[in-house]
């Protein structure tokens, strides 16, 4: 009886430490869907299709971006289109090249990319950037972007 109890406790402890296959499959499926969404996002960005890109966000998304000031700033689709339209006016050849996409859980995608273009004074730049996207119900709800925005 004592040996049976020890074996049962060992089995329960071992089974409790095993990851749930259903949750693993759900996370893998969510990661694939979210990665596809992120790739589409950068495709729209590089085509300068700000309307389609903005439509990928929730109605009001939260941003952390040095260009918007400190803290979290909420933006509507219209504000997103305006922001990127202004960027395109300043840097008509702006383009982002994705280096790596790192999934994190079932609703976060971390994207490392290089933004390139030509500034109004005709100097070229290559700016490393990292963005953490939060994706819920197929829409981007948070866009937290980090880069060095100090002038050299």
Protein backbone atom coordinates (compact mmCIF):
# COMPACT_ATOMS: atom_id res chain seq x y z
CA UNK A 1 0.00 0.00 0.00
CA UNK A 2 2.78 2.40 0.95
CA UNK A 3 4.64 1.69 -2.34
CA UNK A 4 1.44 2.22 -4.34
CA UNK A 5 0.91 5.59 -2.65
CA UNK A 6 4.51 6.67 -3.38
CA UNK A 7 4.17 5.64 -7.04
CA UNK A 8 0.85 7.52 -7.31
CA UNK A 9 2.35 10.69 -5.78
CA UNK A 10 5.37 10.44 -8.10
CA UNK A 11 3.10 9.99 -11.15
CA UNK A 12 0.92 12.96 -10.19
CA UNK A 13 3.96 15.17 -9.59
CA UNK A 14 5.48 14.14 -12.93
CA UNK A 15 2.20 14.67 -14.82
CA UNK A 16 1.72 18.10 -13.25
CA UNK A 17 5.11 19.21 -14.57
CA UNK A 18 4.29 18.30 -18.18
CA UNK A 19 3.12 21.16 -20.40
CA UNK A 20 -0.45 21.02 -21.58
CA UNK A 21 -0.41 19.93 -25.25
CA UNK A 22 -3.57 21.88 -26.05
CA UNK A 23 -2.14 25.13 -24.72
CA UNK A 24 1.12 24.48 -26.61
CA UNK A 25 -0.82 23.98 -29.86
CA UNK A 26 -2.86 27.13 -29.18
CA UNK A 27 0.31 29.16 -28.57
CA UNK A 28 1.98 27.77 -31.71
CA UNK A 29 -1.11 28.61 -33.79
CA UNK A 30 -1.36 32.10 -32.26
CA UNK A 31 2.34 32.71 -32.92
CA UNK A 32 1.96 31.71 -36.59
CA UNK A 33 -1.09 33.95 -37.00
CA UNK A 34 0.57 36.87 -35.23
CA UNK A 35 3.81 36.47 -37.19
CA UNK A 36 1.82 36.58 -40.42
CA UNK A 37 0.07 39.74 -39.21
CA UNK A 38 3.40 41.39 -38.37
CA UNK A 39 4.84 40.51 -41.80
CA UNK A 40 1.75 42.03 -43.45
CA UNK A 41 2.20 45.13 -41.28
CA UNK A 42 5.75 45.69 -42.54
CA UNK A 43 4.62 45.03 -46.12
CA UNK A 44 2.05 47.84 -45.79
CA UNK A 45 4.68 50.05 -44.15
CA UNK A 46 7.14 49.56 -46.99
CA UNK A 47 4.41 50.25 -49.57
CA UNK A 48 3.52 53.40 -47.59
CA UNK A 49 -0.07 52.15 -47.43
CA UNK A 50 -0.88 53.94 -44.19
CA UNK A 51 -4.64 53.31 -44.40
CA UNK A 52 -4.21 49.53 -44.56
CA UNK A 53 -1.49 49.60 -41.92
CA UNK A 54 -3.63 51.70 -39.55
CA UNK A 55 -6.55 49.30 -40.03
CA UNK A 56 -4.42 46.58 -38.43
CA UNK A 57 -4.66 48.40 -35.09
CA UNK A 58 -7.57 48.36 -32.66
CA UNK A 59 -9.81 51.45 -32.88
CA UNK A 60 -7.64 53.17 -30.26
CA UNK A 61 -4.20 51.61 -29.76
CA UNK A 62 -1.58 52.38 -27.14
CA UNK A 63 1.84 53.55 -28.31
CA UNK A 64 5.19 54.08 -26.61
CA UNK A 65 7.35 55.86 -29.13
CA UNK A 66 10.03 58.51 -28.63
CA UNK A 67 8.49 60.49 -31.51
CA UNK A 68 5.23 60.80 -29.54
CA UNK A 69 6.76 61.96 -26.27
CA UNK A 70 6.99 60.18 -22.93
CA UNK A 71 4.69 57.52 -21.61
CA UNK A 72 1.82 55.74 -23.32
CA UNK A 73 -0.05 57.69 -25.99
CA UNK A 74 -3.37 56.50 -27.41
CA UNK A 75 -3.80 56.84 -31.17
CA UNK A 76 -6.79 56.38 -33.48
CA UNK A 77 -6.55 55.10 -37.03
CA UNK A 78 -6.71 58.68 -38.30
CA UNK A 79 -3.84 59.75 -36.03
CA UNK A 80 -1.74 56.78 -37.16
CA UNK A 81 -2.31 57.65 -40.84
CA UNK A 82 -1.39 61.29 -40.13
CA UNK A 83 1.79 60.36 -38.22
CA UNK A 84 3.11 58.04 -40.93
CA UNK A 85 2.01 60.37 -43.73
CA UNK A 86 4.11 63.11 -42.13
CA UNK A 87 7.02 60.69 -41.80
CA UNK A 88 6.74 59.89 -45.51
CA UNK A 89 6.74 63.60 -46.38
CA UNK A 90 9.98 64.09 -44.43
CA UNK A 91 11.59 60.82 -45.57
CA UNK A 92 9.96 59.73 -48.86
CA UNK A 93 12.13 56.60 -49.18
CA UNK A 94 11.63 55.36 -45.59
CA UNK A 95 11.74 51.58 -45.44
CA UNK A 96 11.90 48.97 -42.68
CA UNK A 97 13.84 45.71 -43.05
CA UNK A 98 12.90 43.05 -40.51
CA UNK A 99 15.91 41.35 -38.95
CA UNK A 100 14.10 38.91 -36.65
CA UNK A 101 10.63 38.28 -35.24
CA UNK A 102 10.52 36.81 -31.73
CA UNK A 103 7.18 35.44 -30.48
CA UNK A 104 6.55 35.92 -26.77
CA UNK A 105 3.54 34.08 -25.43
CA UNK A 106 0.34 33.97 -27.45
CA UNK A 107 -0.22 37.71 -27.87
CA UNK A 108 3.17 39.44 -28.07
CA UNK A 109 5.55 39.71 -31.01
CA UNK A 110 8.94 41.36 -30.62
CA UNK A 111 10.34 42.65 -33.89
CA UNK A 112 13.91 43.74 -34.49
CA UNK A 113 14.28 45.79 -37.66
CA UNK A 114 16.36 48.46 -39.40
CA UNK A 115 14.68 51.63 -40.63
CA UNK A 116 16.46 53.29 -43.56
CA UNK A 117 15.92 56.38 -45.64
CA UNK A 118 17.20 59.77 -46.71
CA UNK A 119 16.65 62.82 -44.52
CA UNK A 120 15.70 66.27 -45.90
CA UNK A 121 19.39 67.29 -45.83
CA UNK A 122 20.10 64.32 -48.16
CA UNK A 123 21.97 62.26 -45.56
CA UNK A 124 21.18 58.56 -45.44
CA UNK A 125 20.45 56.76 -42.19
CA UNK A 126 20.06 53.22 -40.88
CA UNK A 127 18.33 53.11 -37.49
CA UNK A 128 18.05 49.87 -35.47
CA UNK A 129 14.61 49.63 -33.86
CA UNK A 130 12.81 47.14 -31.62
CA UNK A 131 9.02 47.05 -31.36
CA UNK A 132 6.88 44.97 -29.04
CA UNK A 133 3.44 44.42 -30.53
CA UNK A 134 0.52 43.22 -28.41
CA UNK A 135 -2.03 41.51 -30.63
CA UNK A 136 -5.52 40.70 -29.39
CA UNK A 137 -8.41 39.40 -31.50
CA UNK A 138 -6.38 39.86 -34.68
CA UNK A 139 -5.64 43.55 -34.05
CA UNK A 140 -2.60 45.40 -32.70
CA UNK A 141 -3.61 46.90 -29.35
CA UNK A 142 -0.16 48.07 -28.23
CA UNK A 143 2.88 49.20 -30.20
CA UNK A 144 5.84 49.86 -27.91
CA UNK A 145 8.80 51.01 -30.00
CA UNK A 146 12.36 51.56 -28.80
CA UNK A 147 15.25 53.24 -30.59
CA UNK A 148 18.00 55.75 -29.95
CA UNK A 149 16.57 59.11 -30.99
CA UNK A 150 19.52 61.28 -29.91
CA UNK A 151 21.18 63.29 -32.65
CA UNK A 152 24.82 62.48 -33.27
